Amino acid sequence: MFSLISFIAFTGFVAVVSYLKTHKDDHAHGKSYFLAGNMLTGWVIAGSLMLTNLSTEQLIGLNGNAYTHGAQVIAWEVIAAIGMVVMALYAFPRYWKGQIATVPQFLERRFDKQTRQFLGAVFMFSLVTNLLPFVLYSGAIGMNTLFNVPELLGVSDTAATWIMVWAIGTCGGIYAVFGGLRAVAISDSINGLGLLIGGLLIPVLGLAALGDGNIFAGWGTIVRDIPQQLDPLGAEDDNIPFSTLFTGMLLLNIYYWCTNQSIVQRTFGAKSLKEGQKGILIAACLKLAGPIYLVLPGIIALQMFGPNLAKQDLAYPSLVAEVLPPALVGFFGAVIFGAILSSFNSVLHSSSTLFGLDIYRGMIKPEATDEETVRVGKRFGIIMALVAMSLAPFIGKAESLFTLMKMLAAVTNVPILAIIAMGMLTTSVSTRAAKISLFTGIVLFALANFVFADAIGLHWLHVAAIIFVTICSLMLILSKVYPLKKSREDVVLKPETEGAWSWAKGLGFTVVVMVFLIYTFLHHVGSA
């Protein structure tokens, strides 16, 4: 009973604070609803970025990968910090200078309206198939295990998964569709504090359990018994070979933090260039601590349970159920629930933004008013939520939740990054060359990863890098065949320099150095 009360209390607290902070906001107009009226501070942006990125598909999926493959999977967290530095120092100042609300808006300026509309559609397809269902499914697994929902409701595991998916999706949809970006960002910040406390608590309790109450003894047990699991340098036949850090791993993290609409939209709502850069780099510093709660628990679970769990994605929920005191179950459940809602509602809100601004106003009805655009965007968000909730329960058949999600996302992510990068870096790429290369890249990556993967014999992250280079080269070649009709010098975004954060470059350099030190330390421990 106490668990249920604490769960309801914390969840209700977040909802009430979000409502009190935003109920007077103007949600009928585009800038207020889609960009929070440009009122977000650095710390709010940092919290929102972390919570948008961090959800149960990370807690469960990445810890599940760590249970099987060890510390080599920290690359998804630690290398991400480099992508965030690129965003803060290179991409964001250009976005800010152009005063854009969606990434496809840049593509319209650089290429044409058709490119913007096509990319908007690709972004939305990627979100509804590659991210939203995974957030819902992993969230359902976590809540089912934590509160033993099948036994509580007297239903099968499958039925409990469907129930939790629809419960989470409904709550998240209400936040995103009716609250706007500011409500999403404020709830993210509160849940972020709770997740930081709860997320760090699990590895501490896990190590204490391994060491009979002493966390240092618990760490020593892992170092003694399974030191190889702490080495982040994967071999070429491992899940994350070390060489992929310099190819596909780096590219996908740059895509995610520099062009993913659900992420970059948080920065578009900043009060100023300084606050945006500050928020991104604060989040990058926090990201470096990610392995403590996103990788270490999976390794602790291996030491505690052995390689005997039915599925690797059960590692984190099983560890939580084993080490968490009953009095804290409700609080942690609320924190997990908040993390689920954060990722779900953030992506859903971004989908509404893309449809409203890039598809509806951009293609269907250019003369639409702000009020009409917001209203249509909300309706589309409801449809997206329903589709995602219908797809989510079928993901359970996959062997690795996290790897499947990343592989599917890469099909569209790599070609999109290539188009945006070339659009920013050069004025010579023509519109027709970009369109042909984008479509070709999506088809090539899908074939290489899911049809001819065995014949190719390369790790899929290396394939991602090869496809990226191929697309960029194809754009340059085709631009000779189909040259520009007029110069595009005027639309290649120049960076905004006035009002930049004075500490940005120094902190960015520090983050990159810390990435190197983390890998050096763990490799030393794991190979000693």
Protein backbone atom coordinates (compact mmCIF):
# COMPACT_ATOMS: atom_id res chain seq x y z
CA MET A 1 0.00 0.00 0.00
CA PHE A 2 2.85 2.40 0.86
CA SER A 3 4.42 1.72 -2.54
CA LEU A 4 1.20 2.64 -4.31
CA ILE A 5 0.78 5.81 -2.23
CA SER A 6 4.35 6.99 -2.86
CA PHE A 7 3.98 6.23 -6.57
CA ILE A 8 0.78 8.27 -6.86
CA ALA A 9 2.20 11.08 -4.70
CA PHE A 10 5.35 11.65 -6.76
CA THR A 11 3.58 11.26 -10.10
CA GLY A 12 0.85 13.65 -8.96
CA PHE A 13 3.44 16.15 -7.73
CA VAL A 14 5.06 16.31 -11.17
CA ALA A 15 1.69 16.75 -12.88
CA VAL A 16 0.55 19.51 -10.51
CA VAL A 17 3.80 21.49 -10.77
CA SER A 18 3.76 21.22 -14.58
CA TYR A 19 0.16 22.43 -14.66
CA LEU A 20 0.74 25.34 -12.29
CA LYS A 21 3.77 26.47 -14.27
CA THR A 22 2.11 26.26 -17.70
CA HIS A 23 -1.69 26.58 -17.41
CA LYS A 24 -1.54 30.29 -18.23
CA ASP A 25 0.69 29.73 -21.27
CA ASP A 26 -0.71 30.49 -24.72
CA HIS A 27 -1.02 27.02 -26.27
CA ALA A 28 -3.01 28.24 -29.25
CA HIS A 29 -0.07 29.89 -30.99
CA GLY A 30 2.78 28.10 -32.68
CA LYS A 31 5.77 29.72 -30.96
CA SER A 32 4.34 29.10 -27.50
CA TYR A 33 3.18 25.54 -28.14
CA PHE A 34 6.06 24.31 -30.32
CA LEU A 35 9.01 26.32 -28.88
CA ALA A 36 7.88 27.12 -25.30
CA GLY A 37 7.89 30.82 -26.21
CA ASN A 38 11.72 30.74 -26.14
CA MET A 39 11.68 30.75 -22.32
CA LEU A 40 13.86 27.73 -21.51
CA THR A 41 17.00 28.22 -19.39
CA GLY A 42 20.20 26.19 -19.58
CA TRP A 43 19.43 23.94 -16.62
CA VAL A 44 15.89 23.24 -17.84
CA ILE A 45 17.24 22.39 -21.29
CA ALA A 46 19.88 20.10 -19.76
CA GLY A 47 17.27 18.25 -17.71
CA SER A 48 14.93 17.98 -20.67
CA LEU A 49 17.69 16.70 -22.97
CA MET A 50 18.69 14.03 -20.46
CA LEU A 51 15.13 12.87 -19.85
CA THR A 52 14.19 12.93 -23.53
CA ASN A 53 17.17 10.69 -24.23
CA LEU A 54 16.97 8.58 -21.09
CA SER A 55 14.04 6.25 -20.67
CA THR A 56 13.36 2.60 -20.09
CA GLU A 57 14.62 1.62 -23.55
CA GLN A 58 17.98 2.85 -22.20
CA LEU A 59 17.68 1.61 -18.61
CA ILE A 60 16.43 -1.81 -19.69
CA GLY A 61 17.88 -2.11 -23.20
CA LEU A 62 21.40 -0.83 -22.56
CA ASN A 63 21.74 -2.60 -19.21
CA GLY A 64 20.53 -5.73 -20.98
CA ASN A 65 23.31 -5.34 -23.52
CA ALA A 66 25.81 -4.77 -20.68
CA TYR A 67 24.60 -7.99 -19.03
CA THR A 68 25.59 -9.88 -22.18
CA HIS A 69 28.44 -7.84 -23.66
CA GLY A 70 29.95 -5.90 -20.76
CA ALA A 71 31.31 -2.34 -20.64
CA GLN A 72 31.94 -2.05 -24.38
CA VAL A 73 28.36 -0.74 -24.68
CA ILE A 74 29.31 2.44 -22.77
CA ALA A 75 30.06 3.82 -26.23
CA TRP A 76 26.36 4.63 -26.65
CA GLU A 77 26.62 6.96 -23.64
CA VAL A 78 30.18 8.24 -23.56
CA ILE A 79 30.65 8.88 -27.29
CA ALA A 80 27.29 10.65 -27.18
CA ALA A 81 29.00 13.41 -25.20
CA ILE A 82 31.19 14.16 -28.23
CA GLY A 83 28.08 14.45 -30.39
CA MET A 84 26.69 16.95 -27.88
CA VAL A 85 29.88 19.01 -28.06
CA VAL A 86 29.50 19.14 -31.86
CA MET A 87 25.91 20.32 -31.38
CA ALA A 88 26.84 23.04 -28.89
CA LEU A 89 29.82 24.45 -30.77
CA TYR A 90 28.90 23.87 -34.42
CA ALA A 91 25.28 22.98 -35.21
CA PHE A 92 23.31 24.93 -32.60
CA PRO A 93 24.85 28.36 -33.38
CA ARG A 94 23.80 27.83 -37.01
CA TYR A 95 20.28 26.74 -36.09
CA TRP A 96 19.98 29.73 -33.77
CA LYS A 97 21.17 32.15 -36.44
CA GLY A 98 18.50 30.84 -38.82
CA GLN A 99 15.74 31.00 -36.17
CA ILE A 100 14.23 27.70 -37.29
CA ALA A 101 11.65 25.57 -35.47
CA THR A 102 12.31 22.23 -37.19
CA VAL A 103 15.36 20.67 -38.83
CA PRO A 104 13.52 20.21 -42.16
CA GLN A 105 13.06 24.00 -42.27
CA PHE A 106 16.81 24.30 -42.81
CA LEU A 107 16.57 21.81 -45.69
CA GLU A 108 13.90 23.93 -47.36
CA ARG A 109 16.18 26.95 -47.25
CA ARG A 110 19.18 24.97 -48.47
CA PHE A 111 17.40 22.84 -51.08
CA ASP A 112 13.64 23.23 -51.65
CA LYS A 113 10.20 22.71 -50.14
CA GLN A 114 9.90 19.13 -51.45
CA THR A 115 13.09 18.15 -49.61
CA ARG A 116 11.70 19.64 -46.41
CA GLN A 117 8.41 17.80 -46.78
CA PHE A 118 10.05 14.47 -47.61
CA LEU A 119 12.45 14.75 -44.67
CA GLY A 120 9.59 15.70 -42.38
CA ALA A 121 7.75 12.54 -43.45
CA VAL A 122 10.89 10.42 -42.97
CA PHE A 123 11.46 11.90 -39.50
CA MET A 124 7.88 11.11 -38.48
CA PHE A 125 8.04 7.57 -39.89
CA SER A 126 11.30 6.99 -38.01
CA LEU A 127 9.83 8.27 -34.74
CA VAL A 128 6.64 6.21 -34.91
CA THR A 129 8.38 2.96 -35.93
CA ASN A 130 11.88 3.20 -34.43
CA LEU A 131 11.41 4.99 -31.12
CA LEU A 132 7.90 5.41 -29.71
CA PRO A 133 7.03 1.68 -29.66
CA PHE A 134 10.37 0.81 -28.01
CA VAL A 135 9.81 3.38 -25.27
CA LEU A 136 6.34 1.99 -24.56
CA TYR A 137 7.36 -1.67 -24.64
CA SER A 138 10.43 -1.27 -22.44
CA GLY A 139 8.37 0.84 -20.04
CA ALA A 140 5.74 -1.86 -19.83
CA ILE A 141 8.42 -4.47 -19.02
CA GLY A 142 9.84 -2.28 -16.25
CA MET A 143 6.49 -1.52 -14.63
CA ASN A 144 5.31 -5.14 -14.94
CA THR A 145 8.42 -6.42 -13.17
CA LEU A 146 8.53 -3.70 -10.52
CA PHE A 147 4.88 -3.96 -9.48
CA ASN A 148 4.23 -7.55 -10.60
CA VAL A 149 1.30 -6.36 -12.71
CA PRO A 150 0.33 -9.79 -14.12
CA GLU A 151 -0.23 -11.18 -10.61
CA LEU A 152 -1.77 -7.94 -9.36
CA LEU A 153 -4.40 -7.92 -12.12
CA GLY A 154 -4.66 -11.68 -12.53
CA VAL A 155 -3.75 -11.60 -16.22
CA SER A 156 -1.09 -13.14 -18.45
CA ASP A 157 2.26 -11.46 -19.12
CA THR A 158 1.13 -10.58 -22.63
CA ALA A 159 -2.12 -9.03 -21.43
CA ALA A 160 -0.26 -7.07 -18.74
CA THR A 161 2.12 -5.72 -21.39
CA TRP A 162 -0.79 -4.51 -23.53
CA ILE A 163 -2.44 -2.88 -20.50
CA MET A 164 0.71 -1.05 -19.41
CA VAL A 165 1.56 0.05 -22.96
CA TRP A 166 -1.82 1.69 -23.36
CA ALA A 167 -1.78 3.19 -19.86
CA ILE A 168 1.64 4.75 -20.39
CA GLY A 169 0.80 5.90 -23.91
CA THR A 170 -2.42 7.56 -22.80
CA CYS A 171 -0.76 9.49 -19.97
CA GLY A 172 2.18 10.53 -22.14
CA GLY A 173 -0.12 11.61 -24.94
CA ILE A 174 -2.08 13.90 -22.61
CA TYR A 175 1.13 15.59 -21.42
CA ALA A 176 2.50 16.12 -24.92
CA VAL A 177 -0.60 16.93 -26.94
CA PHE A 178 -2.30 19.28 -24.49
CA GLY A 179 0.64 20.75 -22.59
CA GLY A 180 3.06 21.99 -25.22
CA LEU A 181 6.86 22.04 -25.09
CA ARG A 182 7.14 24.01 -21.83
CA ALA A 183 5.00 21.48 -19.92
CA VAL A 184 7.14 18.69 -21.36
CA ALA A 185 10.38 20.47 -20.39
CA ILE A 186 9.25 21.29 -16.83
CA SER A 187 8.04 17.74 -16.13
CA ASP A 188 11.35 16.50 -17.59
CA SER A 189 13.36 18.62 -15.16
CA ILE A 190 11.49 17.34 -12.09
CA ASN A 191 11.60 13.74 -13.25
CA GLY A 192 15.28 14.23 -14.09
CA LEU A 193 16.14 14.92 -10.46
CA GLY A 194 14.16 11.89 -9.36
CA LEU A 195 15.79 9.71 -12.00
CA LEU A 196 19.26 10.88 -11.00
CA ILE A 197 18.57 9.84 -7.40
CA GLY A 198 16.80 6.60 -8.27
CA GLY A 199 19.15 5.66 -11.10
CA LEU A 200 22.26 6.04 -8.95
CA LEU A 201 20.61 4.18 -6.08
CA ILE A 202 20.31 0.88 -7.98
CA PRO A 203 24.03 0.30 -8.69
CA VAL A 204 24.89 1.41 -5.13
CA LEU A 205 22.43 -1.10 -3.65
CA GLY A 206 23.57 -3.72 -6.14
CA LEU A 207 27.24 -3.34 -5.20
CA ALA A 208 26.30 -3.35 -1.52
CA ALA A 209 24.41 -6.62 -2.02
CA LEU A 210 27.43 -8.20 -3.74
CA GLY A 211 29.76 -7.00 -0.97
CA ASP A 212 27.55 -7.92 2.02
CA GLY A 213 26.82 -4.27 2.72
CA ASN A 214 30.11 -2.84 1.47
CA ILE A 215 29.95 -1.25 -2.01
CA PHE A 216 33.75 -1.29 -2.39
CA ALA A 217 33.82 -4.99 -1.59
CA GLY A 218 31.06 -5.46 -4.17
CA TRP A 219 33.14 -3.66 -6.80
CA GLY A 220 36.11 -5.80 -5.82
CA THR A 221 34.00 -8.92 -6.39
CA ILE A 222 33.29 -7.87 -9.98
CA VAL A 223 36.94 -6.94 -10.62
CA ARG A 224 38.03 -10.33 -9.26
CA ASP A 225 35.41 -12.58 -10.90
CA ILE A 226 34.48 -10.94 -14.23
CA PRO A 227 37.09 -8.23 -14.96
CA GLN A 228 36.70 -8.73 -18.71
CA GLN A 229 33.18 -7.31 -18.44
CA LEU A 230 34.67 -3.96 -17.40
CA ASP A 231 36.90 -3.56 -20.48
CA PRO A 232 35.24 -1.12 -22.92
CA LEU A 233 37.51 -2.02 -25.85
CA GLY A 234 35.53 -4.58 -27.83
CA ALA A 235 37.17 -7.00 -30.27
CA GLU A 236 36.15 -7.02 -33.94
CA ASP A 237 33.63 -9.84 -33.37
CA ASP A 238 32.09 -8.23 -30.27
CA ASN A 239 28.83 -6.29 -29.99
CA ILE A 240 30.65 -2.93 -30.18
CA PRO A 241 34.15 -3.31 -31.69
CA PHE A 242 36.51 -0.55 -30.60
CA SER A 243 37.08 0.47 -34.22
CA THR A 244 33.39 1.36 -34.64
CA LEU A 245 33.83 4.26 -32.20
CA PHE A 246 35.53 6.14 -35.04
CA THR A 247 33.02 5.17 -37.75
CA GLY A 248 29.31 4.49 -37.33
CA MET A 249 29.16 5.01 -33.56
CA LEU A 250 30.41 8.58 -33.85
CA LEU A 251 28.17 9.32 -36.85
CA LEU A 252 24.99 8.03 -35.20
CA ASN A 253 25.67 10.04 -32.06
CA ILE A 254 26.26 13.19 -34.11
CA TYR A 255 22.99 12.53 -35.92
CA TYR A 256 21.09 11.99 -32.68
CA TRP A 257 22.32 15.09 -30.88
CA CYS A 258 22.58 17.46 -33.86
CA THR A 259 19.63 16.60 -36.13
CA ASN A 260 17.10 14.47 -34.23
CA GLN A 261 14.03 16.71 -33.97
CA SER A 262 12.89 15.35 -30.59
CA ILE A 263 16.29 16.33 -29.15
CA VAL A 264 17.18 19.57 -30.89
CA GLN A 265 13.71 21.05 -30.37
CA ARG A 266 14.56 21.42 -26.67
CA THR A 267 17.40 23.75 -27.63
CA PHE A 268 15.27 25.69 -30.12
CA GLY A 269 13.15 26.82 -27.16
CA ALA A 270 16.15 28.42 -25.38
CA LYS A 271 16.02 31.99 -24.07
CA SER A 272 19.30 32.78 -25.80
CA LEU A 273 22.27 31.27 -27.61
CA LYS A 274 24.16 31.24 -24.31
CA GLU A 275 21.42 29.32 -22.47
CA GLY A 276 21.12 26.82 -25.31
CA GLN A 277 24.86 26.09 -25.37
CA LYS A 278 24.96 25.95 -21.59
CA GLY A 279 22.12 23.43 -21.49
CA ILE A 280 23.70 21.18 -24.12
CA LEU A 281 27.13 21.13 -22.47
CA ILE A 282 25.75 20.62 -18.96
CA ALA A 283 23.86 17.64 -20.36
CA ALA A 284 27.11 16.41 -21.98
CA CYS A 285 28.84 16.46 -18.58
CA LEU A 286 25.94 14.53 -17.04
CA LYS A 287 26.10 12.08 -19.94
CA LEU A 288 29.60 11.04 -18.89
CA ALA A 289 28.07 9.60 -15.70
CA GLY A 290 25.62 7.53 -17.74
CA PRO A 291 27.57 4.24 -17.52
CA ILE A 292 27.10 4.23 -13.73
CA TYR A 293 23.34 3.67 -14.04
CA LEU A 294 23.02 2.45 -17.65
CA VAL A 295 25.84 -0.12 -17.85
CA LEU A 296 27.08 -1.01 -14.35
CA PRO A 297 23.71 -2.45 -13.21
CA GLY A 298 23.79 -4.90 -16.12
CA ILE A 299 27.27 -6.08 -15.09
CA ILE A 300 26.12 -6.34 -11.45
CA ALA A 301 23.17 -8.45 -12.62
CA LEU A 302 25.56 -10.84 -14.38
CA GLN A 303 27.61 -11.24 -11.20
CA MET A 304 24.46 -11.67 -9.10
CA PHE A 305 22.34 -13.97 -11.30
CA GLY A 306 24.91 -15.48 -13.64
CA PRO A 307 24.10 -15.93 -17.35
CA ASN A 308 20.84 -17.64 -16.46
CA LEU A 309 18.16 -15.01 -17.14
CA ALA A 310 15.68 -15.97 -19.86
CA LYS A 311 16.28 -12.71 -21.77
CA GLN A 312 19.00 -10.10 -21.37
CA ASP A 313 16.38 -7.34 -21.20
CA LEU A 314 15.24 -8.79 -17.86
CA ALA A 315 18.60 -7.96 -16.24
CA TYR A 316 17.75 -4.47 -15.00
CA PRO A 317 14.17 -5.15 -13.81
CA SER A 318 15.38 -8.31 -12.03
CA LEU A 319 18.17 -6.40 -10.27
CA VAL A 320 15.76 -3.66 -9.18
CA ALA A 321 13.30 -6.19 -7.80
CA GLU A 322 16.14 -7.94 -5.94
CA VAL A 323 17.89 -5.01 -4.25
CA LEU A 324 15.31 -2.24 -3.83
CA PRO A 325 13.75 -2.00 -0.35
CA PRO A 326 9.93 -2.29 -0.43
CA ALA A 327 9.58 1.23 0.99
CA LEU A 328 11.28 2.69 -2.10
CA VAL A 329 9.47 0.67 -4.75
CA GLY A 330 6.71 3.26 -5.17
CA PHE A 331 9.13 6.19 -5.50
CA PHE A 332 11.33 4.37 -7.98
CA GLY A 333 8.27 3.22 -9.90
CA ALA A 334 7.17 6.86 -10.17
CA VAL A 335 10.66 7.86 -11.35
CA ILE A 336 10.65 5.14 -14.00
CA PHE A 337 7.12 6.12 -15.00
CA GLY A 338 8.27 9.73 -15.33
CA ALA A 339 11.22 8.70 -17.49
CA ILE A 340 8.91 6.70 -19.74
CA LEU A 341 6.49 9.60 -20.07
CA SER A 342 9.35 12.01 -20.72
CA SER A 343 10.72 10.18 -23.73
CA PHE A 344 7.28 9.31 -25.06
CA ASN A 345 5.74 12.76 -24.73
CA SER A 346 8.86 14.52 -26.01
CA VAL A 347 8.96 12.45 -29.18
CA LEU A 348 5.20 12.76 -29.60
CA HIS A 349 5.36 16.55 -29.25
CA SER A 350 8.14 16.70 -31.84
CA SER A 351 6.03 14.61 -34.22
CA SER A 352 3.15 17.05 -33.80
CA THR A 353 5.54 19.92 -34.53
CA LEU A 354 6.89 18.25 -37.67
CA PHE A 355 3.44 17.50 -39.01
CA GLY A 356 1.96 20.88 -38.15
CA LEU A 357 4.79 23.05 -39.50
CA ASP A 358 6.40 20.92 -42.22
CA ILE A 359 3.52 18.89 -43.63
CA TYR A 360 0.25 20.68 -42.89
CA ARG A 361 1.34 24.31 -43.19
CA GLY A 362 4.21 23.48 -45.52
CA MET A 363 2.30 21.37 -48.03
CA ILE A 364 -1.41 20.88 -47.33
CA LYS A 365 -2.53 24.38 -46.30
CA PRO A 366 0.18 27.06 -46.42
CA GLU A 367 -2.29 29.78 -45.40
CA ALA A 368 -3.23 28.01 -42.13
CA THR A 369 -3.25 30.19 -39.02
CA ASP A 370 -1.20 29.45 -35.91
CA GLU A 371 -4.31 28.27 -34.07
CA GLU A 372 -5.28 25.89 -36.87
CA THR A 373 -1.73 24.54 -37.21
CA VAL A 374 -1.52 23.79 -33.48
CA ARG A 375 -4.96 22.16 -33.50
CA VAL A 376 -4.08 19.90 -36.45
CA GLY A 377 -0.69 19.07 -34.89
CA LYS A 378 -2.42 17.96 -31.69
CA ARG A 379 -4.81 15.71 -33.63
CA PHE A 380 -1.92 14.15 -35.50
CA GLY A 381 -0.13 13.56 -32.18
CA ILE A 382 -3.13 11.56 -30.98
CA ILE A 383 -3.00 9.41 -34.13
CA MET A 384 0.75 8.82 -33.68
CA ALA A 385 0.20 7.76 -30.08
CA LEU A 386 -2.47 5.25 -31.09
CA VAL A 387 -0.25 3.75 -33.81
CA ALA A 388 2.74 3.45 -31.45
CA MET A 389 0.61 1.84 -28.73
CA SER A 390 -0.67 -0.70 -31.27
CA LEU A 391 2.85 -1.62 -32.46
CA ALA A 392 4.71 -1.69 -29.12
CA PRO A 393 3.65 -5.10 -27.71
CA PHE A 394 4.96 -6.94 -30.78
CA ILE A 395 8.57 -5.90 -30.09
CA GLY A 396 8.90 -8.61 -27.42
CA LYS A 397 10.00 -11.16 -30.02
CA ALA A 398 13.32 -9.39 -30.61
CA GLU A 399 16.45 -10.87 -28.99
CA SER A 400 17.99 -7.51 -28.08
CA LEU A 401 15.68 -4.56 -27.64
CA PHE A 402 18.40 -1.89 -27.71
CA THR A 403 20.39 -3.22 -30.68
CA LEU A 404 17.25 -3.71 -32.78
CA MET A 405 16.14 -0.15 -32.05
CA LYS A 406 19.51 1.30 -33.09
CA MET A 407 19.75 -0.79 -36.28
CA LEU A 408 16.26 0.20 -37.43
CA ALA A 409 16.88 3.86 -36.66
CA ALA A 410 20.16 3.87 -38.60
CA VAL A 411 18.33 3.08 -41.86
CA THR A 412 17.02 6.65 -41.99
CA ASN A 413 19.43 8.39 -39.61
CA VAL A 414 22.60 7.94 -41.65
CA PRO A 415 21.16 9.26 -44.96
CA ILE A 416 19.53 12.20 -43.15
CA LEU A 417 22.81 13.13 -41.44
CA ALA A 418 24.61 13.00 -44.79
CA ILE A 419 22.11 15.38 -46.42
CA ILE A 420 22.17 17.86 -43.54
CA ALA A 421 25.98 17.74 -43.19
CA MET A 422 26.54 18.38 -46.89
CA GLY A 423 23.89 21.08 -46.83
CA MET A 424 25.79 22.87 -44.05
CA LEU A 425 29.32 22.25 -45.26
CA THR A 426 29.12 23.02 -48.98
CA THR A 427 27.22 25.22 -51.40
CA SER A 428 27.90 22.99 -54.41
CA VAL A 429 25.43 20.15 -53.74
CA SER A 430 22.32 20.55 -55.88
CA THR A 431 18.73 19.86 -54.86
CA ARG A 432 18.25 16.98 -57.30
CA ALA A 433 21.51 15.36 -56.18
CA ALA A 434 20.41 15.56 -52.54
CA LYS A 435 17.01 13.98 -53.24
CA ILE A 436 18.41 11.10 -55.29
CA SER A 437 21.18 10.44 -52.76
CA LEU A 438 18.79 10.47 -49.80
CA PHE A 439 16.46 7.89 -51.32
CA THR A 440 19.39 5.78 -52.55
CA GLY A 441 21.02 5.84 -49.12
CA ILE A 442 17.89 4.63 -47.32
CA VAL A 443 17.48 1.73 -49.77
CA LEU A 444 21.18 0.79 -49.67
CA PHE A 445 21.34 0.76 -45.88
CA ALA A 446 18.18 -1.35 -45.55
CA LEU A 447 19.51 -3.88 -48.07
CA ALA A 448 23.00 -3.97 -46.55
CA ASN A 449 21.77 -4.46 -42.98
CA PHE A 450 18.75 -6.70 -43.34
CA VAL A 451 19.13 -8.58 -46.65
CA PHE A 452 22.83 -8.95 -47.45
CA ALA A 453 24.31 -8.59 -43.94
CA ASP A 454 25.82 -12.10 -43.89
CA ALA A 455 27.31 -11.73 -47.36
CA ILE A 456 28.87 -8.35 -46.53
CA GLY A 457 30.34 -9.62 -43.26
CA LEU A 458 31.00 -6.19 -41.73
CA HIS A 459 29.71 -4.86 -38.43
CA TRP A 460 26.58 -2.80 -39.04
CA LEU A 461 28.21 0.32 -37.58
CA HIS A 462 31.00 0.08 -40.16
CA VAL A 463 28.33 -0.36 -42.83
CA ALA A 464 26.70 2.84 -41.56
CA ALA A 465 29.95 4.76 -42.09
CA ILE A 466 30.45 3.30 -45.58
CA ILE A 467 26.89 4.25 -46.55
CA PHE A 468 27.46 7.76 -45.17
CA VAL A 469 30.59 8.25 -47.29
CA THR A 470 28.81 6.73 -50.30
CA ILE A 471 25.88 9.15 -49.99
CA CYS A 472 28.15 12.18 -49.61
CA SER A 473 30.23 11.10 -52.62
CA LEU A 474 27.11 10.43 -54.68
CA MET A 475 25.81 13.92 -53.91
CA LEU A 476 29.03 15.51 -55.12
CA ILE A 477 29.09 13.40 -58.30
CA LEU A 478 25.43 13.96 -59.13
CA SER A 479 25.86 17.68 -58.54
CA LYS A 480 28.22 17.67 -61.52
CA VAL A 481 25.54 15.96 -63.63
CA TYR A 482 22.68 18.08 -62.24
CA PRO A 483 24.39 21.34 -61.26
CA LEU A 484 22.85 24.14 -59.25
CA LYS A 485 20.81 26.62 -61.26
CA LYS A 486 21.77 29.43 -58.92
CA SER A 487 24.21 29.97 -56.06
CA ARG A 488 23.10 28.86 -52.60
CA GLU A 489 25.63 30.96 -50.70
CA ASP A 490 22.78 32.92 -49.14
CA VAL A 491 21.11 29.92 -47.49
CA VAL A 492 24.07 28.02 -46.03
CA LEU A 493 23.68 28.88 -42.36
CA LYS A 494 26.42 30.93 -40.79
CA PRO A 495 26.97 30.47 -37.05
CA GLU A 496 25.66 33.02 -34.57
CA THR A 497 28.59 34.36 -32.54
CA GLU A 498 27.06 37.27 -30.66
CA GLY A 499 25.91 36.21 -27.20
CA ALA A 500 27.71 32.84 -27.25
CA TRP A 501 28.62 31.26 -23.91
CA SER A 502 32.21 32.19 -23.04
CA TRP A 503 32.86 28.82 -21.37
CA ALA A 504 31.52 26.74 -24.25
CA LYS A 505 34.79 25.87 -26.02
CA GLY A 506 36.68 25.17 -22.80
CA LEU A 507 33.97 22.93 -21.40
CA GLY A 508 33.59 21.17 -24.75
CA PHE A 509 37.32 20.37 -24.80
CA THR A 510 37.12 19.11 -21.20
CA VAL A 511 34.28 16.75 -22.11
CA VAL A 512 36.31 15.23 -24.96
CA VAL A 513 39.31 14.71 -22.64
CA MET A 514 37.06 13.03 -20.06
CA VAL A 515 35.84 10.57 -22.70
CA PHE A 516 39.46 9.52 -23.29
CA LEU A 517 40.14 9.20 -19.54
CA ILE A 518 37.03 7.05 -18.93
CA TYR A 519 38.08 4.59 -21.63
CA THR A 520 41.66 4.52 -20.34
CA PHE A 521 40.61 3.84 -16.75
CA LEU A 522 38.12 1.07 -17.55
CA HIS A 523 40.49 -0.62 -19.98
CA HIS A 524 43.18 -0.64 -17.30
CA VAL A 525 40.78 -2.19 -14.75
CA GLY A 526 39.31 -4.69 -17.20
CA SER A 527 42.62 -5.94 -18.56
CA ALA A 528 44.62 -5.97 -15.32
